Amino acid sequence: MERIELSRMVGGSRILVEAVRLDHGLHVLVTGGSRTHVGAVTGAGYPEEKTISFGTHKEAAVTGRWAKSLADAIGEPCTVAAGIHYDGADRALIQEVLAACDGLLNELAERLTSGE
């Protein structure tokens, strides 16, 4: 199994990505901010996509995009779990978090498809 870790600092806290490439498939955990937790989980591939959101958490916006993008990139099923929380986050910080997540997604997809 190949393991990949990536991170970015946003709003004074780290967003961490931990990806595990399985014999067939990929599992990704995206956490960070001031309180890590499980907010949503998405599985994509074969060709359906399923998301479970916990409570009022909004991480499905991240897990859905990541799972579909990564499953398409590697041609295998992918699960993504995410929990990112920043106390008192305003719109600007939320946009910064989403931009950092997009950058991390692109970096991970590149690593997975380039054979590095």
Foldseek 3Di string as FASTA:
>chain_A
DDWDKDWDDAPNKIWIWIWDDDPFEIEIETAMAPDGDWAKKWKQDVHDIDMDGDDPGDCCVLQVVLQNVLCVLQVGMYMYTYGYDHPPDDPVRVVVVVVVSVVVSVVVSCCVNVVD
